[in-house]
Amino acid sequence: MLRAQVCSSSELSFLMEAHDGLSAAIAERAGFKGLWASGLSIACSLGYRDANEASWSQLVVERIVDSTELPVLVDGDGGFGNFNNARLLARKLRQRGAAGVALEDSCFPKMNSLVGDRHPLADIDEFSGRLRAMKDTVADDLVLVARIEALIGGHGMDEAILRAHAYADAGADAILIHSRKSAADEILSFARAWRNRLPVVIVPTKYYRTPVSAYRNARISTVIWANHSMRVA
C-alpha cells in the first residue's frame, strides 16, 4: 500500500507524522492513509535532540505499526553509521513491520536539517553504497526513499540533481527533496529539472503556505506532514 502511495505520480498522497502508538491511532482516525515515523518527533518524545542521540532500537516503530492498519514510512536518518549499520536497520525495520524507510545523505552523527547553515553531506559513492546495501537486504519488502539534503544544506540545485541521479542508480524507489525556503520555488524547480525519473516526496515544514494544487501540478508524489502531531502534543 505504501509503495502505491509513495511511488505514484498520478495521485498526490499525504503521510502524517506519528511518534508513538497514540499519535498513530489518531492519524488513522483522522483519515490519513499512511504514517511517517518521524525521527525528530520520536527523539523529542524521548527527551533527546534530533542529532542521532536516540539509537535505531529506540525508534518505537513496532508500537506505531501495532497501533494501526496503516503503512509506516520510517525516518531512518542516515542509517546510523556505514553500510553495515544501514543494512542492519533495514533488516530490523522489516522484522518490525515497517513498510518503508527514508535514508538521508547527512554525515553521522546528523544534525537537524533546519539548524545551522551549509551542513556537510555524505560522499555520494559512500551514501549510494548504503542505499545498495539496504536494497540488497530487503529488496522490494521495504520502500526505499533517498532523502537529499543538498538544497536545505546550501549546496545548490546542480548538486541536488547530481545526487538524485546517483541515488536512483543505487536502487532508491523515490527521492525526498528538502528545502528551508518559505516558498516552494526551490522544490518546484527541482521537480521540473528532475522530470519524474523517480517519484518525488516533499516535507513542506517551511513553505506550508503553498497550495496543494501546486504540488499536484508539479506531479509530486507524496507530502509528509512531518511534526504536526508532536506540535499538538
C-alpha atoms as a PDB file:
ATOM      1  CA  MET A   1       0.000   0.000   0.000  1.00  0.00           C
ATOM      2  CA  LEU A   2       2.834   2.420   0.815  1.00  0.00           C
ATOM      3  CA  ARG A   3       4.527   1.633  -2.489  1.00  0.00           C
ATOM      4  CA  ALA A   4       1.342   2.617  -4.308  1.00  0.00           C
ATOM      5  CA  GLN A   5       1.253   5.911  -2.383  1.00  0.00           C
ATOM      6  CA  VAL A   6       4.913   6.936  -2.484  1.00  0.00           C
ATOM      7  CA  CYS A   7       5.816   5.557  -5.891  1.00  0.00           C
ATOM      8  CA  SER A   8       2.922   7.013  -7.871  1.00  0.00           C
ATOM      9  CA  SER A   9       2.993  10.267  -9.794  1.00  0.00           C
ATOM     10  CA  SER A  10      -0.663  10.102 -10.784  1.00  0.00           C
ATOM     11  CA  GLU A  11      -2.196  10.990  -7.410  1.00  0.00           C
ATOM     12  CA  LEU A  12      -0.877  13.066  -4.513  1.00  0.00           C
ATOM     13  CA  SER A  13      -0.617  11.214  -1.190  1.00  0.00           C
ATOM     14  CA  PHE A  14      -0.236  12.535   2.350  1.00  0.00           C
ATOM     15  CA  LEU A  15       1.615  10.961   5.267  1.00  0.00           C
ATOM     16  CA  MET A  16       1.028  12.168   8.830  1.00  0.00           C
ATOM     17  CA  GLU A  17       3.750  12.137  11.467  1.00  0.00           C
ATOM     18  CA  ALA A  18       3.489   9.675  14.337  1.00  0.00           C
ATOM     19  CA  HIS A  19       5.844   9.335  17.282  1.00  0.00           C
ATOM     20  CA  ASP A  20       4.029   6.691  19.339  1.00  0.00           C
ATOM     21  CA  GLY A  21       1.031   4.369  19.233  1.00  0.00           C
ATOM     22  CA  LEU A  22      -1.479   7.025  20.285  1.00  0.00           C
ATOM     23  CA  SER A  23      -0.468   9.591  17.663  1.00  0.00           C
ATOM     24  CA  ALA A  24      -0.583   6.823  15.058  1.00  0.00           C
ATOM     25  CA  ALA A  25      -4.118   5.846  16.057  1.00  0.00           C
ATOM     26  CA  ILE A  26      -5.235   9.486  15.985  1.00  0.00           C
ATOM     27  CA  ALA A  27      -3.837   9.957  12.458  1.00  0.00           C
ATOM     28  CA  GLU A  28      -5.659   6.841  11.267  1.00  0.00           C
ATOM     29  CA  ARG A  29      -8.922   8.030  12.805  1.00  0.00           C
ATOM     30  CA  ALA A  30      -8.448  11.425  11.114  1.00  0.00           C
ATOM     31  CA  GLY A  31      -8.435   9.670   7.733  1.00  0.00           C
ATOM     32  CA  PHE A  32      -4.768   9.515   6.742  1.00  0.00           C
ATOM     33  CA  LYS A  33      -3.748   6.514   4.645  1.00  0.00           C
ATOM     34  CA  GLY A  34      -0.106   6.336   5.711  1.00  0.00           C
ATOM     35  CA  LEU A  35       2.223   7.385   8.527  1.00  0.00           C
ATOM     36  CA  TRP A  36       5.653   8.977   8.851  1.00  0.00           C
ATOM     37  CA  ALA A  37       7.605   7.731  11.871  1.00  0.00           C
ATOM     38  CA  SER A  38       9.496  10.964  12.434  1.00  0.00           C
ATOM     39  CA  GLY A  39      12.994  10.775  13.850  1.00  0.00           C
ATOM     40  CA  LEU A  40      12.715  14.334  15.174  1.00  0.00           C
ATOM     41  CA  SER A  41       9.399  13.708  16.906  1.00  0.00           C
ATOM     42  CA  ILE A  42      10.407  10.344  18.363  1.00  0.00           C
ATOM     43  CA  ALA A  43      13.615  11.921  19.684  1.00  0.00           C
ATOM     44  CA  CYS A  44      11.595  14.776  21.204  1.00  0.00           C
ATOM     45  CA  SER A  45       9.208  12.341  22.874  1.00  0.00           C
ATOM     46  CA  LEU A  46      12.240  10.638  24.467  1.00  0.00           C
ATOM     47  CA  GLY A  47      13.774  13.934  25.584  1.00  0.00           C
ATOM     48  CA  TYR A  48      16.609  13.855  23.017  1.00  0.00           C
ATOM     49  CA  ARG A  49      17.786  16.224  20.315  1.00  0.00           C
ATOM     50  CA  ASP A  50      17.351  15.332  16.650  1.00  0.00           C
ATOM     51  CA  ALA A  51      21.051  14.526  16.422  1.00  0.00           C
ATOM     52  CA  ASN A  52      21.285  10.717  16.482  1.00  0.00           C
ATOM     53  CA  GLU A  53      21.170  10.731  20.289  1.00  0.00           C
ATOM     54  CA  ALA A  54      18.396   8.128  20.123  1.00  0.00           C
ATOM     55  CA  SER A  55      19.517   4.814  18.654  1.00  0.00           C
ATOM     56  CA  TRP A  56      17.699   2.908  15.921  1.00  0.00           C
ATOM     57  CA  SER A  57      16.445   0.491  18.589  1.00  0.00           C
ATOM     58  CA  GLN A  58      14.564   3.363  20.270  1.00  0.00           C
ATOM     59  CA  LEU A  59      12.525   4.286  17.197  1.00  0.00           C
ATOM     60  CA  VAL A  60       9.357   2.666  18.660  1.00  0.00           C
ATOM     61  CA  VAL A  61       8.359   1.608  15.147  1.00  0.00           C
ATOM     62  CA  GLU A  62       6.796  -1.590  16.440  1.00  0.00           C
ATOM     63  CA  ARG A  63       4.433   0.405  18.698  1.00  0.00           C
ATOM     64  CA  ILE A  64       3.379   2.598  15.791  1.00  0.00           C
ATOM     65  CA  VAL A  65       2.878  -0.355  13.440  1.00  0.00           C
ATOM     66  CA  ASP A  66       0.855  -2.312  16.011  1.00  0.00           C
ATOM     67  CA  SER A  67      -1.474   0.608  16.740  1.00  0.00           C
ATOM     68  CA  THR A  68      -2.970   0.953  13.255  1.00  0.00           C
ATOM     69  CA  GLU A  69      -3.549  -0.797   9.957  1.00  0.00           C
ATOM     70  CA  LEU A  70      -1.688   1.948   8.091  1.00  0.00           C
ATOM     71  CA  PRO A  71       1.657   1.527   6.303  1.00  0.00           C
ATOM     72  CA  VAL A  72       4.538   3.288   8.041  1.00  0.00           C
ATOM     73  CA  LEU A  73       7.450   5.079   6.350  1.00  0.00           C
ATOM     74  CA  VAL A  74      10.268   5.310   8.884  1.00  0.00           C
ATOM     75  CA  ASP A  75      12.705   8.196   9.163  1.00  0.00           C
ATOM     76  CA  GLY A  76      15.982   6.280   9.174  1.00  0.00           C
ATOM     77  CA  ASP A  77      18.200   9.398   9.432  1.00  0.00           C
ATOM     78  CA  GLY A  78      21.478   8.484   7.700  1.00  0.00           C
ATOM     79  CA  GLY A  79      21.297   4.801   8.580  1.00  0.00           C
ATOM     80  CA  PHE A  80      23.080   5.201  11.948  1.00  0.00           C
ATOM     81  CA  GLY A  81      26.561   4.635  10.546  1.00  0.00           C
ATOM     82  CA  ASN A  82      28.060   2.981   7.484  1.00  0.00           C
ATOM     83  CA  PHE A  83      26.563   0.495   5.033  1.00  0.00           C
ATOM     84  CA  ASN A  84      26.628  -2.295   7.620  1.00  0.00           C
ATOM     85  CA  ASN A  85      24.593  -0.216  10.071  1.00  0.00           C
ATOM     86  CA  ALA A  86      22.171   0.734   7.298  1.00  0.00           C
ATOM     87  CA  ARG A  87      21.765  -2.917   6.312  1.00  0.00           C
ATOM     88  CA  LEU A  88      21.020  -3.858   9.928  1.00  0.00           C
ATOM     89  CA  LEU A  89      18.482  -1.040  10.194  1.00  0.00           C
ATOM     90  CA  ALA A  90      16.675  -2.232   7.059  1.00  0.00           C
ATOM     91  CA  ARG A  91      16.510  -5.809   8.313  1.00  0.00           C
ATOM     92  CA  LYS A  92      15.199  -4.770  11.738  1.00  0.00           C
ATOM     93  CA  LEU A  93      12.583  -2.423  10.288  1.00  0.00           C
ATOM     94  CA  ARG A  94      11.304  -5.199   8.042  1.00  0.00           C
ATOM     95  CA  GLN A  95      11.038  -7.505  11.051  1.00  0.00           C
ATOM     96  CA  ARG A  96       9.052  -4.869  12.920  1.00  0.00           C
ATOM     97  CA  GLY A  97       6.536  -4.442  10.125  1.00  0.00           C
ATOM     98  CA  ALA A  98       7.569  -1.112   8.636  1.00  0.00           C
ATOM     99  CA  ALA A  99       6.525  -0.513   5.032  1.00  0.00           C
ATOM    100  CA  GLY A 100       9.398   1.764   4.057  1.00  0.00           C
ATOM    101  CA  VAL A 101      12.426   3.732   5.188  1.00  0.00           C
ATOM    102  CA  ALA A 102      13.854   7.106   4.209  1.00  0.00           C
ATOM    103  CA  LEU A 103      17.632   7.496   4.341  1.00  0.00           C
ATOM    104  CA  GLU A 104      19.248  10.957   4.217  1.00  0.00           C
ATOM    105  CA  ASP A 105      22.678  11.813   2.833  1.00  0.00           C
ATOM    106  CA  SER A 106      23.874  13.517   6.013  1.00  0.00           C
ATOM    107  CA  CYS A 107      27.021  12.688   7.941  1.00  0.00           C
ATOM    108  CA  PHE A 108      26.885  10.686  11.167  1.00  0.00           C
ATOM    109  CA  PRO A 109      26.029  11.916  13.724  1.00  0.00           C
ATOM    110  CA  LYS A 110      23.451  14.074  11.974  1.00  0.00           C
ATOM    111  CA  MET A 111      22.126  17.468  12.965  1.00  0.00           C
ATOM    112  CA  ASN A 112      18.550  18.539  12.315  1.00  0.00           C
ATOM    113  CA  SER A 113      18.247  19.983   8.805  1.00  0.00           C
ATOM    114  CA  LEU A 114      16.767  23.285   9.956  1.00  0.00           C
ATOM    115  CA  VAL A 115      19.638  24.056  12.378  1.00  0.00           C
ATOM    116  CA  GLY A 116      22.763  25.849  11.133  1.00  0.00           C
ATOM    117  CA  ASP A 117      23.994  26.554   7.624  1.00  0.00           C
ATOM    118  CA  ARG A 118      25.783  24.555   4.923  1.00  0.00           C
ATOM    119  CA  HIS A 119      25.699  21.136   6.506  1.00  0.00           C
ATOM    120  CA  PRO A 120      28.355  18.694   5.351  1.00  0.00           C
ATOM    121  CA  LEU A 121      26.964  15.946   3.133  1.00  0.00           C
ATOM    122  CA  ALA A 122      27.940  12.310   2.841  1.00  0.00           C
ATOM    123  CA  ASP A 123      30.141  11.319  -0.076  1.00  0.00           C
ATOM    124  CA  ILE A 124      27.901  10.365  -2.997  1.00  0.00           C
ATOM    125  CA  ASP A 125      29.530   6.998  -3.626  1.00  0.00           C
ATOM    126  CA  GLU A 126      29.579   6.110   0.058  1.00  0.00           C
ATOM    127  CA  PHE A 127      25.913   7.011   0.522  1.00  0.00           C
ATOM    128  CA  SER A 128      24.995   5.131  -2.645  1.00  0.00           C
ATOM    129  CA  GLY A 129      26.686   2.133  -1.051  1.00  0.00           C
ATOM    130  CA  ARG A 130      24.395   2.466   1.964  1.00  0.00           C
ATOM    131  CA  LEU A 131      21.370   2.502  -0.326  1.00  0.00           C
ATOM    132  CA  ARG A 132      22.579  -0.557  -2.253  1.00  0.00           C
ATOM    133  CA  ALA A 133      23.236  -2.440   0.978  1.00  0.00           C
ATOM    134  CA  MET A 134      19.686  -1.755   2.165  1.00  0.00           C
ATOM    135  CA  LYS A 135      18.183  -2.697  -1.194  1.00  0.00           C
ATOM    136  CA  ASP A 136      20.201  -5.920  -1.321  1.00  0.00           C
ATOM    137  CA  THR A 137      18.946  -6.762   2.176  1.00  0.00           C
ATOM    138  CA  VAL A 138      15.211  -6.103   1.816  1.00  0.00           C
ATOM    139  CA  ALA A 139      14.689  -5.960  -1.980  1.00  0.00           C
ATOM    140  CA  ASP A 140      11.070  -4.847  -2.500  1.00  0.00           C
ATOM    141  CA  ASP A 141       9.922  -5.659   1.041  1.00  0.00           C
ATOM    142  CA  LEU A 142      10.557  -2.023   2.056  1.00  0.00           C
ATOM    143  CA  VAL A 143      10.058   1.130   0.009  1.00  0.00           C
ATOM    144  CA  LEU A 144      13.459   2.845  -0.047  1.00  0.00           C
ATOM    145  CA  VAL A 145      13.332   6.643  -0.168  1.00  0.00           C
ATOM    146  CA  ALA A 146      16.595   8.552  -0.686  1.00  0.00           C
ATOM    147  CA  ARG A 147      16.475  11.913   1.049  1.00  0.00           C
ATOM    148  CA  ILE A 148      18.674  14.639  -0.450  1.00  0.00           C
ATOM    149  CA  GLU A 149      19.949  17.389   1.864  1.00  0.00           C
ATOM    150  CA  ALA A 150      21.762  19.407  -0.827  1.00  0.00           C
ATOM    151  CA  LEU A 151      19.217  22.245  -1.066  1.00  0.00           C
ATOM    152  CA  ILE A 152      18.482  22.602   2.629  1.00  0.00           C
ATOM    153  CA  GLY A 153      22.215  22.289   3.342  1.00  0.00           C
ATOM    154  CA  GLY A 154      23.116  25.132   0.981  1.00  0.00           C
ATOM    155  CA  HIS A 155      24.872  23.105  -1.730  1.00  0.00           C
ATOM    156  CA  GLY A 156      22.694  24.141  -4.669  1.00  0.00           C
ATOM    157  CA  MET A 157      20.448  22.683  -7.342  1.00  0.00           C
ATOM    158  CA  ASP A 158      23.154  21.101  -9.504  1.00  0.00           C
ATOM    159  CA  GLU A 159      24.393  19.098  -6.522  1.00  0.00           C
ATOM    160  CA  ALA A 160      20.835  18.014  -5.699  1.00  0.00           C
ATOM    161  CA  ILE A 161      20.199  16.751  -9.233  1.00  0.00           C
ATOM    162  CA  LEU A 162      23.577  15.010  -9.379  1.00  0.00           C
ATOM    163  CA  ARG A 163      22.794  13.175  -6.149  1.00  0.00           C
ATOM    164  CA  ALA A 164      19.260  12.298  -7.233  1.00  0.00           C
ATOM    165  CA  HIS A 165      20.553  10.513 -10.331  1.00  0.00           C
ATOM    166  CA  ALA A 166      23.211   8.670  -8.340  1.00  0.00           C
ATOM    167  CA  TYR A 167      20.682   7.501  -5.764  1.00  0.00           C
ATOM    168  CA  ALA A 168      18.249   6.379  -8.437  1.00  0.00           C
ATOM    169  CA  ASP A 169      21.062   4.292  -9.949  1.00  0.00           C
ATOM    170  CA  ALA A 170      21.733   2.833  -6.475  1.00  0.00           C
ATOM    171  CA  GLY A 171      18.200   1.441  -6.234  1.00  0.00           C
ATOM    172  CA  ALA A 172      16.096   4.093  -4.496  1.00  0.00           C
ATOM    173  CA  ASP A 173      12.354   3.845  -5.136  1.00  0.00           C
ATOM    174  CA  ALA A 174      11.708   7.568  -4.615  1.00  0.00           C
ATOM    175  CA  ILE A 175      13.540  10.824  -3.935  1.00  0.00           C
ATOM    176  CA  LEU A 176      12.783  13.064  -0.952  1.00  0.00           C
ATOM    177  CA  ILE A 177      13.968  16.621  -1.595  1.00  0.00           C
ATOM    178  CA  HIS A 178      14.095  19.049   1.330  1.00  0.00           C
ATOM    179  CA  SER A 179      14.167  22.863   1.499  1.00  0.00           C
ATOM    180  CA  ARG A 180      14.188  25.512   4.215  1.00  0.00           C
ATOM    181  CA  LYS A 181      12.815  28.276   1.974  1.00  0.00           C
ATOM    182  CA  SER A 182       9.495  29.855   2.982  1.00  0.00           C
ATOM    183  CA  ALA A 183       8.213  29.435  -0.598  1.00  0.00           C
ATOM    184  CA  ALA A 184       8.171  26.250  -2.655  1.00  0.00           C
ATOM    185  CA  ASP A 185      10.022  27.701  -5.668  1.00  0.00           C
ATOM    186  CA  GLU A 186      13.184  25.683  -4.995  1.00  0.00           C
ATOM    187  CA  ILE A 187      11.239  22.430  -4.654  1.00  0.00           C
ATOM    188  CA  LEU A 188       9.195  23.055  -7.775  1.00  0.00           C
ATOM    189  CA  SER A 189      12.376  23.889  -9.713  1.00  0.00           C
ATOM    190  CA  PHE A 190      13.859  20.580  -8.622  1.00  0.00           C
ATOM    191  CA  ALA A 191      10.724  18.729  -9.769  1.00  0.00           C
ATOM    192  CA  ARG A 192      10.943  20.361 -13.208  1.00  0.00           C
ATOM    193  CA  ALA A 193      14.634  19.577 -13.581  1.00  0.00           C
ATOM    194  CA  TRP A 194      14.217  16.016 -12.291  1.00  0.00           C
ATOM    195  CA  ARG A 195      11.445  15.218 -14.798  1.00  0.00           C
ATOM    196  CA  ASN A 196       9.990  12.424 -12.689  1.00  0.00           C
ATOM    197  CA  ARG A 197      12.700   9.833 -13.244  1.00  0.00           C
ATOM    198  CA  LEU A 198      11.582   8.637  -9.791  1.00  0.00           C
ATOM    199  CA  PRO A 199       8.636   9.862  -7.716  1.00  0.00           C
ATOM    200  CA  VAL A 200       9.319  12.930  -5.559  1.00  0.00           C
ATOM    201  CA  VAL A 201       8.481  13.231  -1.852  1.00  0.00           C
ATOM    202  CA  ILE A 202       8.455  16.614  -0.068  1.00  0.00           C
ATOM    203  CA  VAL A 203       8.263  17.956   3.501  1.00  0.00           C
ATOM    204  CA  PRO A 204       6.691  21.452   3.444  1.00  0.00           C
ATOM    205  CA  THR A 205       7.573  22.403   7.027  1.00  0.00           C
ATOM    206  CA  LYS A 206       8.801  25.860   5.993  1.00  0.00           C
ATOM    207  CA  TYR A 207       6.749  26.514   2.840  1.00  0.00           C
ATOM    208  CA  TYR A 208       3.427  25.458   4.344  1.00  0.00           C
ATOM    209  CA  ARG A 209       1.515  28.337   2.738  1.00  0.00           C
ATOM    210  CA  THR A 210       1.925  26.780  -0.718  1.00  0.00           C
ATOM    211  CA  PRO A 211      -1.421  25.495  -2.043  1.00  0.00           C
ATOM    212  CA  VAL A 212      -1.643  21.745  -2.520  1.00  0.00           C
ATOM    213  CA  SER A 213      -2.611  22.313  -6.152  1.00  0.00           C
ATOM    214  CA  ALA A 214       0.975  23.440  -6.840  1.00  0.00           C
ATOM    215  CA  TYR A 215       2.247  20.045  -5.745  1.00  0.00           C
ATOM    216  CA  ARG A 216      -0.290  18.243  -7.911  1.00  0.00           C
ATOM    217  CA  ASN A 217       0.649  20.370 -10.915  1.00  0.00           C
ATOM    218  CA  ALA A 218       4.323  19.535 -10.334  1.00  0.00           C
ATOM    219  CA  ARG A 219       3.432  15.814 -10.145  1.00  0.00           C
ATOM    220  CA  ILE A 220       4.790  15.488  -6.630  1.00  0.00           C
ATOM    221  CA  SER A 221       4.041  12.004  -5.333  1.00  0.00           C
ATOM    222  CA  THR A 222       3.839  12.422  -1.552  1.00  0.00           C
ATOM    223  CA  VAL A 223       3.625  15.199   1.029  1.00  0.00           C
ATOM    224  CA  ILE A 224       4.838  14.440   4.562  1.00  0.00           C
ATOM    225  CA  TRP A 225       3.356  16.449   7.428  1.00  0.00           C
ATOM    226  CA  ALA A 226       6.476  15.830   9.463  1.00  0.00           C
ATOM    227  CA  ASN A 227       5.986  17.037  13.046  1.00  0.00           C
ATOM    228  CA  HIS A 228       2.396  18.152  13.446  1.00  0.00           C
ATOM    229  CA  SER A 229       1.329  15.535  15.983  1.00  0.00           C
ATOM    230  CA  MET A 230       4.302  16.391  18.193  1.00  0.00           C
ATOM    231  CA  ARG A 231       3.472  20.083  17.979  1.00  0.00           C
ATOM    232  CA  VAL A 232      -0.067  19.350  19.109  1.00  0.00           C
ATOM    233  CA  ALA A 233       1.184  17.112  21.927  1.00  0.00           C
END
